[in-house]
Amino acid sequence: MAAMKPRTGDGPLEVTKEGRGIVLRMPLEGGGRLVVEMNADEAQALGDAIKGCLG
């Protein structure tokens, strides 16, 4: 049986480098967090896409 981890709440927006990947943890409306692991190229593409929406 898998170990169950306690929920730590929504928490802040976090981006960390873990091993060879970059992990994004984003709080969601209504509770919980979206967790996405990506490589450096994917992170760059995501950043460019977000900047394109802002400018």
C-alpha atoms as a PDB file:
ATOM      1  CA  MET A   1       0.000   0.000   0.000  1.00  0.00           C
ATOM      2  CA  ALA A   2       1.269   3.489  -0.839  1.00  0.00           C
ATOM      3  CA  ALA A   3       2.199   5.846   1.956  1.00  0.00           C
ATOM      4  CA  MET A   4      -0.256   8.683   2.453  1.00  0.00           C
ATOM      5  CA  LYS A   5       1.158  12.152   2.870  1.00  0.00           C
ATOM      6  CA  PRO A   6      -0.734  14.821   4.815  1.00  0.00           C
ATOM      7  CA  ARG A   7      -2.067  17.742   2.821  1.00  0.00           C
ATOM      8  CA  THR A   8      -0.030  20.833   3.553  1.00  0.00           C
ATOM      9  CA  GLY A   9      -2.583  23.370   2.325  1.00  0.00           C
ATOM     10  CA  ASP A  10      -2.486  25.591  -0.700  1.00  0.00           C
ATOM     11  CA  GLY A  11       0.780  27.362  -0.036  1.00  0.00           C
ATOM     12  CA  PRO A  12       2.432  29.987  -2.213  1.00  0.00           C
ATOM     13  CA  LEU A  13       3.395  29.804  -5.869  1.00  0.00           C
ATOM     14  CA  GLU A  14       6.732  27.954  -5.958  1.00  0.00           C
ATOM     15  CA  VAL A  15       9.212  27.089  -8.679  1.00  0.00           C
ATOM     16  CA  THR A  16      12.159  24.895  -7.691  1.00  0.00           C
ATOM     17  CA  LYS A  17      14.922  22.998  -9.435  1.00  0.00           C
ATOM     18  CA  GLU A  18      14.793  19.362  -8.404  1.00  0.00           C
ATOM     19  CA  GLY A  19      17.432  17.163  -9.957  1.00  0.00           C
ATOM     20  CA  ARG A  20      17.380  17.728 -13.715  1.00  0.00           C
ATOM     21  CA  GLY A  21      13.819  19.094 -13.742  1.00  0.00           C
ATOM     22  CA  ILE A  22      12.016  22.268 -12.770  1.00  0.00           C
ATOM     23  CA  VAL A  23       8.919  21.858 -10.590  1.00  0.00           C
ATOM     24  CA  LEU A  24       6.099  24.433 -10.561  1.00  0.00           C
ATOM     25  CA  ARG A  25       3.604  24.341  -7.684  1.00  0.00           C
ATOM     26  CA  MET A  26       0.677  26.697  -8.253  1.00  0.00           C
ATOM     27  CA  PRO A  27      -2.251  27.189  -5.838  1.00  0.00           C
ATOM     28  CA  LEU A  28      -5.655  26.647  -7.461  1.00  0.00           C
ATOM     29  CA  GLU A  29      -8.939  28.412  -6.921  1.00  0.00           C
ATOM     30  CA  GLY A  30     -11.046  26.278  -4.631  1.00  0.00           C
ATOM     31  CA  GLY A  31      -8.056  24.658  -2.927  1.00  0.00           C
ATOM     32  CA  GLY A  32      -5.210  22.352  -3.780  1.00  0.00           C
ATOM     33  CA  ARG A  33      -2.178  22.948  -5.953  1.00  0.00           C
ATOM     34  CA  LEU A  34      -1.233  22.144  -9.515  1.00  0.00           C
ATOM     35  CA  VAL A  35       2.195  20.480  -9.666  1.00  0.00           C
ATOM     36  CA  VAL A  36       4.015  20.362 -13.023  1.00  0.00           C
ATOM     37  CA  GLU A  37       7.518  19.038 -13.680  1.00  0.00           C
ATOM     38  CA  MET A  38       9.262  20.260 -16.833  1.00  0.00           C
ATOM     39  CA  ASN A  39      12.696  20.523 -18.381  1.00  0.00           C
ATOM     40  CA  ALA A  40      14.547  23.805 -19.028  1.00  0.00           C
ATOM     41  CA  ASP A  41      13.295  24.123 -22.627  1.00  0.00           C
ATOM     42  CA  GLU A  42       9.684  23.654 -21.554  1.00  0.00           C
ATOM     43  CA  ALA A  43      10.119  26.188 -18.737  1.00  0.00           C
ATOM     44  CA  GLN A  44      11.548  28.720 -21.208  1.00  0.00           C
ATOM     45  CA  ALA A  45       8.632  28.152 -23.611  1.00  0.00           C
ATOM     46  CA  LEU A  46       6.135  28.591 -20.738  1.00  0.00           C
ATOM     47  CA  GLY A  47       7.831  31.823 -19.649  1.00  0.00           C
ATOM     48  CA  ASP A  48       7.778  33.161 -23.223  1.00  0.00           C
ATOM     49  CA  ALA A  49       4.081  32.290 -23.579  1.00  0.00           C
ATOM     50  CA  ILE A  50       3.216  34.077 -20.330  1.00  0.00           C
ATOM     51  CA  LYS A  51       5.281  37.147 -21.296  1.00  0.00           C
ATOM     52  CA  GLY A  52       3.469  37.219 -24.646  1.00  0.00           C
ATOM     53  CA  CYS A  53       0.121  37.523 -22.840  1.00  0.00           C
ATOM     54  CA  LEU A  54       1.343  40.354 -20.642  1.00  0.00           C
ATOM     55  CA  GLY A  55       2.947  42.524 -23.283  1.00  0.00           C
END
